[in-house]
C-alpha atoms as a PDB file:
ATOM      1  CA  MET A   1      84.162-190.819 157.422  1.00  0.00           C
ATOM      2  CA  ILE A   2      81.936-192.076 154.060  1.00  0.00           C
ATOM      3  CA  TYR A   3      79.032-191.258 153.474  1.00  0.00           C
ATOM      4  CA  ILE A   4      77.309-193.635 150.754  1.00  0.00           C
ATOM      5  CA  HIS A   5      74.420-191.929 149.259  1.00  0.00           C
ATOM      6  CA  VAL A   6      71.376-194.740 148.433  1.00  0.00           C
ATOM      7  CA  PRO A   7      68.858-193.218 146.295  1.00  0.00           C
ATOM      8  CA  PHE A   8      66.152-195.363 145.810  1.00  0.00           C
ATOM      9  CA  CYS A   9      62.395-195.421 147.424  1.00  0.00           C
ATOM     10  CA  HIS A  10      59.066-197.837 147.181  1.00  0.00           C
ATOM     11  CA  ARG A  11      57.466-194.616 147.018  1.00  0.00           C
ATOM     12  CA  LYS A  12      58.419-190.649 147.466  1.00  0.00           C
ATOM     13  CA  CYS A  13      56.966-189.067 150.628  1.00  0.00           C
ATOM     14  CA  THR A  14      54.712-186.255 150.362  1.00  0.00           C
ATOM     15  CA  TYR A  15      57.235-183.808 151.553  1.00  0.00           C
ATOM     16  CA  CYS A  16      60.630-185.309 150.585  1.00  0.00           C
ATOM     17  CA  ALA A  17      62.294-182.851 147.970  1.00  0.00           C
ATOM     18  CA  PHE A  18      65.302-185.093 148.292  1.00  0.00           C
ATOM     19  CA  TYR A  19      66.831-186.932 144.547  1.00  0.00           C
ATOM     20  CA  SER A  20      65.077-190.313 144.678  1.00  0.00           C
ATOM     21  CA  VAL A  21      63.855-192.622 142.187  1.00  0.00           C
ATOM     22  CA  ARG A  22      61.760-196.047 142.413  1.00  0.00           C
ATOM     23  CA  SER A  23      63.539-198.947 142.622  1.00  0.00           C
ATOM     24  CA  SER A  24      63.786-201.947 140.467  1.00  0.00           C
ATOM     25  CA  GLU A  25      66.120-204.980 140.579  1.00  0.00           C
ATOM     26  CA  PHE A  26      68.080-204.207 137.092  1.00  0.00           C
ATOM     27  CA  GLY A  27      68.445-200.294 138.890  1.00  0.00           C
ATOM     28  CA  VAL A  28      69.770-201.318 142.363  1.00  0.00           C
ATOM     29  CA  ARG A  29      72.159-203.298 140.292  1.00  0.00           C
ATOM     30  CA  ASN A  30      73.550-200.656 137.730  1.00  0.00           C
ATOM     31  CA  TYR A  31      73.483-198.700 140.774  1.00  0.00           C
ATOM     32  CA  VAL A  32      75.832-200.979 142.983  1.00  0.00           C
ATOM     33  CA  GLU A  33      78.047-201.712 139.901  1.00  0.00           C
ATOM     34  CA  ALA A  34      78.629-197.682 139.077  1.00  0.00           C
ATOM     35  CA  LEU A  35      79.052-197.384 143.401  1.00  0.00           C
ATOM     36  CA  LEU A  36      81.789-199.693 143.558  1.00  0.00           C
ATOM     37  CA  ARG A  37      83.516-198.180 140.328  1.00  0.00           C
ATOM     38  CA  GLU A  38      83.512-194.932 142.548  1.00  0.00           C
ATOM     39  CA  MET A  39      85.132-196.172 144.953  1.00  0.00           C
ATOM     40  CA  GLU A  40      88.002-197.526 143.150  1.00  0.00           C
ATOM     41  CA  GLU A  41      88.359-194.318 141.442  1.00  0.00           C
ATOM     42  CA  ARG A  42      87.997-192.556 144.851  1.00  0.00           C
ATOM     43  CA  LYS A  43      89.795-194.651 146.834  1.00  0.00           C
ATOM     44  CA  GLY A  44      93.102-192.376 147.138  1.00  0.00           C
ATOM     45  CA  GLU A  45      90.621-189.396 148.992  1.00  0.00           C
ATOM     46  CA  GLN A  46      90.366-190.422 152.275  1.00  0.00           C
ATOM     47  CA  ALA A  47      93.868-192.466 152.726  1.00  0.00           C
ATOM     48  CA  HIS A  48      93.470-192.100 156.737  1.00  0.00           C
ATOM     49  CA  PRO A  49      91.428-195.043 158.413  1.00  0.00           C
ATOM     50  CA  ILE A  50      87.843-194.572 158.253  1.00  0.00           C
ATOM     51  CA  LYS A  51      85.904-193.975 161.587  1.00  0.00           C
ATOM     52  CA  THR A  52      82.626-194.056 160.362  1.00  0.00           C
ATOM     53  CA  VAL A  53      80.280-195.368 157.272  1.00  0.00           C
ATOM     54  CA  TYR A  54      76.962-193.983 156.831  1.00  0.00           C
ATOM     55  CA  PHE A  55      74.410-195.824 154.351  1.00  0.00           C
ATOM     56  CA  GLY A  56      71.491-192.640 153.758  1.00  0.00           C
ATOM     57  CA  GLY A  57      68.988-192.232 151.426  1.00  0.00           C
ATOM     58  CA  GLY A  58      66.118-192.440 149.727  1.00  0.00           C
ATOM     59  CA  THR A  59      65.775-195.804 151.536  1.00  0.00           C
ATOM     60  CA  PRO A  60      69.058-198.222 152.095  1.00  0.00           C
ATOM     61  CA  SER A  61      67.379-200.626 153.286  1.00  0.00           C
ATOM     62  CA  ILE A  62      65.411-201.335 149.802  1.00  0.00           C
ATOM     63  CA  LEU A  63      68.954-202.934 149.127  1.00  0.00           C
ATOM     64  CA  PRO A  64      68.993-206.923 149.107  1.00  0.00           C
ATOM     65  CA  ILE A  65      71.536-207.919 151.453  1.00  0.00           C
ATOM     66  CA  ASP A  66      73.427-209.582 148.855  1.00  0.00           C
ATOM     67  CA  LEU A  67      73.965-206.267 147.234  1.00  0.00           C
ATOM     68  CA  LEU A  68      75.175-204.881 150.552  1.00  0.00           C
ATOM     69  CA  ALA A  69      77.840-207.113 150.970  1.00  0.00           C
ATOM     70  CA  ARG A  70      79.151-206.284 147.604  1.00  0.00           C
ATOM     71  CA  ILE A  71      79.319-202.718 148.875  1.00  0.00           C
ATOM     72  CA  VAL A  72      80.741-203.404 152.178  1.00  0.00           C
ATOM     73  CA  GLU A  73      83.033-205.855 150.554  1.00  0.00           C
ATOM     74  CA  GLY A  74      84.324-202.978 148.114  1.00  0.00           C
ATOM     75  CA  LEU A  75      84.488-200.829 151.360  1.00  0.00           C
ATOM     76  CA  ARG A  76      87.014-203.303 152.870  1.00  0.00           C
ATOM     77  CA  HIS A  77      89.039-203.493 149.461  1.00  0.00           C
ATOM     78  CA  CYS A  78      89.191-199.991 148.928  1.00  0.00           C
ATOM     79  CA  PHE A  79      89.536-198.073 152.563  1.00  0.00           C
ATOM     80  CA  ASP A  80      91.245-198.784 155.770  1.00  0.00           C
ATOM     81  CA  LEU A  81      88.037-199.838 158.029  1.00  0.00           C
ATOM     82  CA  SER A  82      90.312-201.128 160.579  1.00  0.00           C
ATOM     83  CA  GLN A  83      89.017-198.101 163.164  1.00  0.00           C
ATOM     84  CA  VAL A  84      85.568-198.105 162.261  1.00  0.00           C
ATOM     85  CA  GLU A  85      83.389-196.863 165.664  1.00  0.00           C
ATOM     86  CA  GLU A  86      80.040-196.884 163.696  1.00  0.00           C
ATOM     87  CA  VAL A  87      78.412-198.197 160.576  1.00  0.00           C
ATOM     88  CA  THR A  88      74.832-196.831 160.203  1.00  0.00           C
ATOM     89  CA  LEU A  89      72.075-197.707 158.041  1.00  0.00           C
ATOM     90  CA  GLU A  90      68.742-195.754 157.430  1.00  0.00           C
ATOM     91  CA  ALA A  91      65.974-197.883 157.070  1.00  0.00           C
ATOM     92  CA  ASN A  92      62.371-197.807 156.738  1.00  0.00           C
ATOM     93  CA  PRO A  93      60.294-199.901 159.331  1.00  0.00           C
ATOM     94  CA  GLU A  94      58.541-202.698 156.520  1.00  0.00           C
ATOM     95  CA  ASP A  95      62.106-203.630 155.516  1.00  0.00           C
ATOM     96  CA  LEU A  96      63.080-204.915 159.359  1.00  0.00           C
ATOM     97  CA  THR A  97      62.163-208.425 159.192  1.00  0.00           C
ATOM     98  CA  PRO A  98      64.131-210.396 161.949  1.00  0.00           C
ATOM     99  CA  GLU A  99      65.926-211.909 159.127  1.00  0.00           C
ATOM    100  CA  TYR A 100      67.501-208.910 157.507  1.00  0.00           C
ATOM    101  CA  LEU A 101      68.299-207.327 160.505  1.00  0.00           C
ATOM    102  CA  ALA A 102      70.451-210.670 161.806  1.00  0.00           C
ATOM    103  CA  SER A 103      71.938-210.156 157.919  1.00  0.00           C
ATOM    104  CA  LEU A 104      72.541-206.757 158.795  1.00  0.00           C
ATOM    105  CA  ARG A 105      75.129-207.406 161.690  1.00  0.00           C
ATOM    106  CA  THR A 106      76.310-210.016 160.236  1.00  0.00           C
ATOM    107  CA  LEU A 107      77.928-207.522 157.876  1.00  0.00           C
ATOM    108  CA  GLY A 108      79.096-205.184 160.326  1.00  0.00           C
ATOM    109  CA  VAL A 109      76.361-202.311 160.589  1.00  0.00           C
ATOM    110  CA  ASN A 110      75.630-201.370 164.484  1.00  0.00           C
ATOM    111  CA  ARG A 111      73.447-198.519 164.199  1.00  0.00           C
ATOM    112  CA  LEU A 112      69.927-197.924 162.555  1.00  0.00           C
ATOM    113  CA  SER A 113      68.413-194.994 161.950  1.00  0.00           C
ATOM    114  CA  VAL A 114      64.464-195.748 161.305  1.00  0.00           C
ATOM    115  CA  GLY A 115      62.676-193.529 159.624  1.00  0.00           C
ATOM    116  CA  ILE A 116      58.974-193.682 161.889  1.00  0.00           C
ATOM    117  CA  GLN A 117      58.103-190.036 161.232  1.00  0.00           C
ATOM    118  CA  SER A 118      55.303-190.520 162.958  1.00  0.00           C
ATOM    119  CA  LEU A 119      52.875-193.192 165.314  1.00  0.00           C
ATOM    120  CA  ASP A 120      49.464-191.644 164.284  1.00  0.00           C
ATOM    121  CA  ASP A 121      48.450-193.965 161.030  1.00  0.00           C
ATOM    122  CA  LYS A 122      46.363-191.056 159.968  1.00  0.00           C
ATOM    123  CA  VAL A 123      49.350-188.762 159.464  1.00  0.00           C
ATOM    124  CA  LEU A 124      51.701-191.462 158.166  1.00  0.00           C
ATOM    125  CA  ARG A 125      48.801-192.113 155.193  1.00  0.00           C
ATOM    126  CA  LEU A 126      49.182-188.375 155.147  1.00  0.00           C
ATOM    127  CA  LEU A 127      52.781-188.441 154.259  1.00  0.00           C
ATOM    128  CA  ASN A 128      52.387-191.260 152.039  1.00  0.00           C
ATOM    129  CA  ARG A 129      54.540-193.773 154.539  1.00  0.00           C
ATOM    130  CA  ARG A 130      54.278-197.670 153.722  1.00  0.00           C
ATOM    131  CA  HIS A 131      54.203-198.639 157.469  1.00  0.00           C
ATOM    132  CA  THR A 132      52.010-197.975 160.329  1.00  0.00           C
ATOM    133  CA  ALA A 133      52.570-197.053 163.904  1.00  0.00           C
ATOM    134  CA  GLN A 134      52.183-201.034 164.665  1.00  0.00           C
ATOM    135  CA  GLN A 135      55.136-201.880 162.138  1.00  0.00           C
ATOM    136  CA  ALA A 136      57.099-199.424 163.452  1.00  0.00           C
ATOM    137  CA  LEU A 137      56.784-200.450 166.830  1.00  0.00           C
ATOM    138  CA  GLU A 138      57.594-203.858 165.484  1.00  0.00           C
ATOM    139  CA  ALA A 139      60.856-203.194 163.369  1.00  0.00           C
ATOM    140  CA  VAL A 140      62.136-201.274 166.701  1.00  0.00           C
ATOM    141  CA  GLU A 141      61.779-204.727 168.938  1.00  0.00           C
ATOM    142  CA  ASN A 142      62.816-206.931 165.878  1.00  0.00           C
ATOM    143  CA  ALA A 143      65.778-204.366 165.768  1.00  0.00           C
ATOM    144  CA  HIS A 144      66.153-204.627 169.654  1.00  0.00           C
ATOM    145  CA  ARG A 145      66.180-208.802 169.844  1.00  0.00           C
ATOM    146  CA  ALA A 146      68.459-208.862 167.223  1.00  0.00           C
ATOM    147  CA  GLY A 147      71.406-207.495 169.393  1.00  0.00           C
ATOM    148  CA  PHE A 148      71.189-203.786 168.115  1.00  0.00           C
ATOM    149  CA  ASP A 149      71.984-201.771 170.803  1.00  0.00           C
ATOM    150  CA  ASN A 150      72.316-198.116 169.098  1.00  0.00           C
ATOM    151  CA  ILE A 151      68.972-197.558 167.607  1.00  0.00           C
ATOM    152  CA  SER A 152      68.024-194.352 166.293  1.00  0.00           C
ATOM    153  CA  VAL A 153      64.312-193.138 165.179  1.00  0.00           C
ATOM    154  CA  ASP A 154      63.110-190.011 163.153  1.00  0.00           C
ATOM    155  CA  PHE A 155      60.060-187.938 163.753  1.00  0.00           C
ATOM    156  CA  ILE A 156      58.369-185.382 162.269  1.00  0.00           C
ATOM    157  CA  TYR A 157      56.344-182.544 164.370  1.00  0.00           C
ATOM    158  CA  GLY A 158      54.747-179.230 162.893  1.00  0.00           C
ATOM    159  CA  ILE A 159      51.052-181.678 162.126  1.00  0.00           C
ATOM    160  CA  LYS A 160      49.764-182.898 164.890  1.00  0.00           C
ATOM    161  CA  ASP A 161      51.265-184.034 168.211  1.00  0.00           C
ATOM    162  CA  PRO A 162      53.972-186.806 168.229  1.00  0.00           C
ATOM    163  CA  LYS A 163      52.760-189.741 170.938  1.00  0.00           C
ATOM    164  CA  ASP A 164      54.295-190.241 173.590  1.00  0.00           C
ATOM    165  CA  PHE A 165      58.323-191.645 173.309  1.00  0.00           C
ATOM    166  CA  LYS A 166      57.933-193.641 176.420  1.00  0.00           C
ATOM    167  CA  VAL A 167      55.977-196.885 174.015  1.00  0.00           C
ATOM    168  CA  PHE A 168      60.040-197.550 172.925  1.00  0.00           C
ATOM    169  CA  LYS A 169      60.436-198.260 176.703  1.00  0.00           C
ATOM    170  CA  ASP A 170      64.908-198.549 176.564  1.00  0.00           C
ATOM    171  CA  MET A 171      64.808-200.364 173.275  1.00  0.00           C
ATOM    172  CA  VAL A 172      65.687-196.522 171.819  1.00  0.00           C
ATOM    173  CA  SER A 173      68.925-194.818 172.304  1.00  0.00           C
ATOM    174  CA  HIS A 174      68.600-191.824 169.743  1.00  0.00           C
ATOM    175  CA  VAL A 175      65.624-189.889 168.437  1.00  0.00           C
ATOM    176  CA  SER A 176      65.629-187.153 165.619  1.00  0.00           C
ATOM    177  CA  VAL A 177      63.109-184.893 165.062  1.00  0.00           C
ATOM    178  CA  TYR A 178      62.391-182.674 162.802  1.00  0.00           C
ATOM    179  CA  ALA A 179      59.795-179.910 161.753  1.00  0.00           C
ATOM    180  CA  LEU A 180      57.555-180.142 158.540  1.00  0.00           C
ATOM    181  CA  THR A 181      59.046-177.456 156.102  1.00  0.00           C
ATOM    182  CA  VAL A 182      57.088-177.413 152.621  1.00  0.00           C
ATOM    183  CA  GLU A 183      59.094-177.511 149.845  1.00  0.00           C
ATOM    184  CA  PRO A 184      58.721-176.056 146.632  1.00  0.00           C
ATOM    185  CA  GLY A 185      57.609-178.865 143.930  1.00  0.00           C
ATOM    186  CA  THR A 186      56.559-181.650 146.586  1.00  0.00           C
ATOM    187  CA  ALA A 187      52.893-183.167 146.633  1.00  0.00           C
ATOM    188  CA  LEU A 188      52.747-181.767 149.942  1.00  0.00           C
ATOM    189  CA  ALA A 189      53.475-178.412 148.147  1.00  0.00           C
ATOM    190  CA  VAL A 190      50.867-178.883 145.713  1.00  0.00           C
ATOM    191  CA  GLN A 191      48.031-180.407 148.475  1.00  0.00           C
ATOM    192  CA  VAL A 192      49.016-177.183 151.130  1.00  0.00           C
ATOM    193  CA  GLU A 193      48.344-174.779 147.750  1.00  0.00           C
ATOM    194  CA  GLN A 194      45.008-176.648 146.778  1.00  0.00           C
ATOM    195  CA  GLY A 195      43.797-176.482 150.411  1.00  0.00           C
ATOM    196  CA  ARG A 196      43.521-179.897 150.512  1.00  0.00           C
ATOM    197  CA  VAL A 197      46.125-180.071 153.344  1.00  0.00           C
ATOM    198  CA  THR A 198      46.080-177.326 156.394  1.00  0.00           C
ATOM    199  CA  LEU A 199      48.837-177.343 158.743  1.00  0.00           C
ATOM    200  CA  PRO A 200      49.390-175.563 161.953  1.00  0.00           C
ATOM    201  CA  GLY A 201      50.848-171.999 162.235  1.00  0.00           C
ATOM    202  CA  GLU A 202      53.986-171.056 163.752  1.00  0.00           C
ATOM    203  CA  GLU A 203      52.646-170.683 167.280  1.00  0.00           C
ATOM    204  CA  GLU A 204      51.649-174.253 167.095  1.00  0.00           C
ATOM    205  CA  VAL A 205      54.693-175.704 165.405  1.00  0.00           C
ATOM    206  CA  VAL A 206      56.844-174.004 168.168  1.00  0.00           C
ATOM    207  CA  ARG A 207      54.237-175.382 170.932  1.00  0.00           C
ATOM    208  CA  GLN A 208      55.029-178.780 169.531  1.00  0.00           C
ATOM    209  CA  TYR A 209      58.516-178.242 169.786  1.00  0.00           C
ATOM    210  CA  HIS A 210      58.467-177.490 173.325  1.00  0.00           C
ATOM    211  CA  ALA A 211      56.189-180.544 174.044  1.00  0.00           C
ATOM    212  CA  LEU A 212      58.574-182.760 172.497  1.00  0.00           C
ATOM    213  CA  HIS A 213      61.242-181.052 174.490  1.00  0.00           C
ATOM    214  CA  ARG A 214      59.910-181.821 177.712  1.00  0.00           C
ATOM    215  CA  GLN A 215      59.001-185.313 176.716  1.00  0.00           C
ATOM    216  CA  LEU A 216      62.486-186.693 174.964  1.00  0.00           C
ATOM    217  CA  GLU A 217      64.289-185.194 178.351  1.00  0.00           C
ATOM    218  CA  GLU A 218      61.879-186.823 180.948  1.00  0.00           C
ATOM    219  CA  ALA A 219      62.335-189.989 178.706  1.00  0.00           C
ATOM    220  CA  GLY A 220      66.381-189.887 179.345  1.00  0.00           C
ATOM    221  CA  PHE A 221      67.489-188.123 176.429  1.00  0.00           C
ATOM    222  CA  ARG A 222      69.619-184.575 176.415  1.00  0.00           C
ATOM    223  CA  GLN A 223      69.195-182.583 173.539  1.00  0.00           C
ATOM    224  CA  TYR A 224      72.953-181.970 171.165  1.00  0.00           C
ATOM    225  CA  GLU A 225      71.667-180.702 168.092  1.00  0.00           C
ATOM    226  CA  VAL A 226      68.626-178.496 166.998  1.00  0.00           C
ATOM    227  CA  SER A 227      67.020-181.490 165.770  1.00  0.00           C
ATOM    228  CA  ASN A 228      68.729-184.371 167.426  1.00  0.00           C
ATOM    229  CA  TYR A 229      68.469-186.389 171.238  1.00  0.00           C
ATOM    230  CA  ALA A 230      70.641-188.838 172.686  1.00  0.00           C
ATOM    231  CA  ARG A 231      70.882-190.843 176.033  1.00  0.00           C
ATOM    232  CA  PRO A 232      73.936-190.769 177.018  1.00  0.00           C
ATOM    233  CA  GLY A 233      76.913-191.995 174.771  1.00  0.00           C
ATOM    234  CA  PHE A 234      74.885-192.402 171.851  1.00  0.00           C
ATOM    235  CA  GLU A 235      74.987-189.215 170.344  1.00  0.00           C
ATOM    236  CA  SER A 236      75.689-189.703 166.632  1.00  0.00           C
ATOM    237  CA  LYS A 237      79.616-190.241 165.792  1.00  0.00           C
ATOM    238  CA  HIS A 238      78.898-189.354 161.830  1.00  0.00           C
ATOM    239  CA  ASN A 239      76.726-186.565 162.021  1.00  0.00           C
ATOM    240  CA  SER A 240      78.391-184.606 164.828  1.00  0.00           C
ATOM    241  CA  ARG A 241      82.029-185.107 162.971  1.00  0.00           C
ATOM    242  CA  TYR A 242      79.717-183.044 160.335  1.00  0.00           C
ATOM    243  CA  TRP A 243      79.155-180.275 162.547  1.00  0.00           C
ATOM    244  CA  ASP A 244      82.662-179.980 163.589  1.00  0.00           C
ATOM    245  CA  ARG A 245      83.562-179.482 159.693  1.00  0.00           C
ATOM    246  CA  THR A 246      85.658-183.058 159.492  1.00  0.00           C
ATOM    247  CA  PRO A 247      86.592-184.194 156.111  1.00  0.00           C
ATOM    248  CA  TYR A 248      83.991-186.658 154.926  1.00  0.00           C
ATOM    249  CA  LEU A 249      83.888-188.785 151.422  1.00  0.00           C
ATOM    250  CA  GLY A 250      80.547-188.897 149.741  1.00  0.00           C
ATOM    251  CA  LEU A 251      79.855-191.864 147.479  1.00  0.00           C
ATOM    252  CA  GLY A 252      76.705-192.645 145.128  1.00  0.00           C
ATOM    253  CA  PRO A 253      74.481-189.921 143.268  1.00  0.00           C
ATOM    254  CA  GLY A 254      73.478-186.911 145.091  1.00  0.00           C
ATOM    255  CA  ALA A 255      76.179-187.326 147.511  1.00  0.00           C
ATOM    256  CA  HIS A 256      78.440-184.434 148.794  1.00  0.00           C
ATOM    257  CA  SER A 257      82.054-184.801 149.764  1.00  0.00           C
ATOM    258  CA  PHE A 258      84.495-182.252 152.134  1.00  0.00           C
ATOM    259  CA  ASP A 259      88.332-182.557 152.343  1.00  0.00           C
ATOM    260  CA  GLY A 260      88.849-179.347 154.752  1.00  0.00           C
ATOM    261  CA  LYS A 261      88.781-176.431 151.972  1.00  0.00           C
ATOM    262  CA  LYS A 262      86.337-177.236 149.248  1.00  0.00           C
ATOM    263  CA  ARG A 263      83.282-179.374 148.650  1.00  0.00           C
ATOM    264  CA  GLN A 264      82.392-181.951 146.344  1.00  0.00           C
ATOM    265  CA  TRP A 265      79.147-183.276 145.293  1.00  0.00           C
ATOM    266  CA  ASN A 266      77.540-186.158 142.469  1.00  0.00           C
ATOM    267  CA  ASN A 267      75.237-184.793 140.347  1.00  0.00           C
ATOM    268  CA  PRO A 268      72.363-187.295 139.117  1.00  0.00           C
ATOM    269  CA  ASP A 269      73.335-186.852 135.600  1.00  0.00           C
ATOM    270  CA  GLY A 270      76.662-188.419 136.281  1.00  0.00           C
ATOM    271  CA  THR A 271      78.412-184.741 136.513  1.00  0.00           C
ATOM    272  CA  VAL A 272      80.211-183.865 139.165  1.00  0.00           C
ATOM    273  CA  GLY A 273      80.362-180.093 140.825  1.00  0.00           C
ATOM    274  CA  GLU A 274      82.778-178.688 143.261  1.00  0.00           C
ATOM    275  CA  GLU A 275      83.962-175.051 145.007  1.00  0.00           C
ATOM    276  CA  THR A 276      86.249-173.846 146.844  1.00  0.00           C
ATOM    277  CA  LEU A 277      85.479-172.195 150.010  1.00  0.00           C
ATOM    278  CA  THR A 278      86.655-168.606 150.863  1.00  0.00           C
ATOM    279  CA  GLU A 279      88.280-167.833 154.412  1.00  0.00           C
ATOM    280  CA  ALA A 280      84.745-166.368 154.694  1.00  0.00           C
ATOM    281  CA  ASP A 281      82.704-169.373 153.336  1.00  0.00           C
ATOM    282  CA  ALA A 282      84.347-171.406 155.967  1.00  0.00           C
ATOM    283  CA  TYR A 283      83.365-169.084 158.933  1.00  0.00           C
ATOM    284  CA  ASN A 284      80.343-168.759 158.143  1.00  0.00           C
ATOM    285  CA  GLU A 285      79.786-172.578 157.932  1.00  0.00           C
ATOM    286  CA  LEU A 286      81.414-172.695 161.486  1.00  0.00           C
ATOM    287  CA  LEU A 287      79.174-170.219 162.889  1.00  0.00           C
ATOM    288  CA  MET A 288      75.707-172.528 161.313  1.00  0.00           C
ATOM    289  CA  THR A 289      77.165-175.571 162.707  1.00  0.00           C
ATOM    290  CA  SER A 290      78.103-174.517 166.137  1.00  0.00           C
ATOM    291  CA  LEU A 291      75.261-172.913 167.210  1.00  0.00           C
ATOM    292  CA  ARG A 292      73.050-175.459 165.982  1.00  0.00           C
ATOM    293  CA  THR A 293      74.439-177.414 168.850  1.00  0.00           C
ATOM    294  CA  VAL A 294      74.272-177.003 172.666  1.00  0.00           C
ATOM    295  CA  ARG A 295      78.183-177.177 172.647  1.00  0.00           C
ATOM    296  CA  GLY A 296      78.318-173.624 170.987  1.00  0.00           C
ATOM    297  CA  LEU A 297      80.420-171.074 169.284  1.00  0.00           C
ATOM    298  CA  PRO A 298      84.224-171.071 171.338  1.00  0.00           C
ATOM    299  CA  ALA A 299      84.765-167.666 172.118  1.00  0.00           C
ATOM    300  CA  GLU A 300      88.035-167.980 170.573  1.00  0.00           C
ATOM    301  CA  VAL A 301      87.021-168.221 167.003  1.00  0.00           C
ATOM    302  CA  VAL A 302      84.719-164.951 167.179  1.00  0.00           C
ATOM    303  CA  ALA A 303      85.578-162.527 164.644  1.00  0.00           C
ATOM    304  CA  LYS A 304      87.017-159.618 165.587  1.00  0.00           C
ATOM    305  CA  GLY A 305      84.014-156.664 166.310  1.00  0.00           C
ATOM    306  CA  GLN A 306      81.433-159.154 166.306  1.00  0.00           C
ATOM    307  CA  LYS A 307      81.403-159.937 169.668  1.00  0.00           C
ATOM    308  CA  GLU A 308      79.115-157.027 170.133  1.00  0.00           C
ATOM    309  CA  LYS A 309      76.470-158.574 167.685  1.00  0.00           C
ATOM    310  CA  LEU A 310      76.085-161.281 169.832  1.00  0.00           C
ATOM    311  CA  GLN A 311      75.058-159.265 172.990  1.00  0.00           C
ATOM    312  CA  PRO A 312      71.326-159.204 172.080  1.00  0.00           C
ATOM    313  CA  TYR A 313      71.030-163.005 172.178  1.00  0.00           C
ATOM    314  CA  LEU A 314      72.757-162.630 175.540  1.00  0.00           C
ATOM    315  CA  ASP A 315      70.179-160.394 176.692  1.00  0.00           C
ATOM    316  CA  CYS A 316      67.000-162.347 175.193  1.00  0.00           C
ATOM    317  CA  SER A 317      68.379-165.428 176.805  1.00  0.00           C
ATOM    318  CA  TRP A 318      68.991-167.108 173.029  1.00  0.00           C
ATOM    319  CA  LEU A 319      72.166-167.612 174.275  1.00  0.00           C
ATOM    320  CA  VAL A 320      74.598-168.085 177.373  1.00  0.00           C
ATOM    321  CA  PHE A 321      78.602-167.737 177.702  1.00  0.00           C
ATOM    322  CA  GLN A 322      79.628-170.455 179.548  1.00  0.00           C
ATOM    323  CA  ASP A 323      82.911-172.168 179.835  1.00  0.00           C
ATOM    324  CA  GLY A 324      84.504-169.797 176.899  1.00  0.00           C
ATOM    325  CA  PHE A 325      81.062-171.060 174.520  1.00  0.00           C
ATOM    326  CA  TYR A 326      78.448-168.967 173.238  1.00  0.00           C
ATOM    327  CA  ARG A 327      75.955-172.029 173.818  1.00  0.00           C
ATOM    328  CA  PRO A 328      72.134-171.835 172.729  1.00  0.00           C
ATOM    329  CA  THR A 329      69.732-172.382 174.865  1.00  0.00           C
ATOM    330  CA  THR A 330      66.432-174.589 174.392  1.00  0.00           C
ATOM    331  CA  GLU A 331      64.375-171.254 172.852  1.00  0.00           C
ATOM    332  CA  GLY A 332      68.032-170.313 171.155  1.00  0.00           C
ATOM    333  CA  LEU A 333      67.934-173.294 169.144  1.00  0.00           C
ATOM    334  CA  LEU A 334      64.765-172.701 167.328  1.00  0.00           C
ATOM    335  CA  HIS A 335      66.854-169.391 165.741  1.00  0.00           C
ATOM    336  CA  ALA A 336      69.584-170.943 165.646  1.00  0.00           C
ATOM    337  CA  ASP A 337      69.821-170.318 161.416  1.00  0.00           C
ATOM    338  CA  GLY A 338      68.691-166.548 161.931  1.00  0.00           C
ATOM    339  CA  MET A 339      71.134-165.922 164.604  1.00  0.00           C
ATOM    340  CA  ALA A 340      74.118-167.535 162.240  1.00  0.00           C
ATOM    341  CA  ALA A 341      73.107-165.333 159.135  1.00  0.00           C
ATOM    342  CA  ALA A 342      73.261-162.409 161.381  1.00  0.00           C
ATOM    343  CA  LEU A 343      76.733-162.755 162.271  1.00  0.00           C
ATOM    344  CA  PHE A 344      77.939-163.641 158.538  1.00  0.00           C
ATOM    345  CA  VAL A 345      81.002-162.136 157.131  1.00  0.00           C
END
């Protein structure tokens, strides 16, 4: 699997703490040239056939089609794409014109992840998004008409109750929902500190989580990870492999790679960092990723003497033991990170 980081944004969302830069024609074209060079230098790191490719950001849909085509050509030259099942492109609604969508299909993109975040225009302005709720709906309709049958939409809760997902009818196959977090150094953090923005307390955020869960279940989506819901058969293949700790190659500034034993990352200044995972590191990562999924933690991998630590979570119904797995319940998924941290070795 290959992840390509596209660091450009039209403007910064108030809550975003990820590395991104404002797009410019010069900057974007230089980025593509550097990305192609990195592919050549690292093409031996993923010798086996690639199953998934994911364009993440930033905002990959900022890239003009001619530059996206160069990137896809570079991938085909450097890697075996003969067995690719899923090619995902993250996009903002305002970029998804009928012409752009038709070109994406021609390039082999078969899954879209659309950053909607809210269908409330006031919330969108608070988050500094460029699109309106109407533009978001039109973008999904355009994608559906263009032939995309694998469309994911992102939403944020923890501000106001999201609108009813039934507005998408049957056009959307996957929904990612994230609790708004106030990251240090972001514009939102400053606004909250100065009292210009007041966010709901923990009880209200939990209520919104449960309300969202009910909405999505009633609309035919099933939760398969803390933040992800899908119609049957439309779970994200790429992201699911992260949670299985499948090796992957990350290309572009800020991208991370994992070969099963070592983690490597590109720093925005062009330097590279890396760490070799100890057995304890690998086990702790397995705990963290497994307890974030409805599949859960395989009993066979639980370290000696740790099953007793799981009992309190079974007693309070955050976990159930089923078919050889410790599976988080809907309530338990809210506490997945805390449960994992308590079991770390």
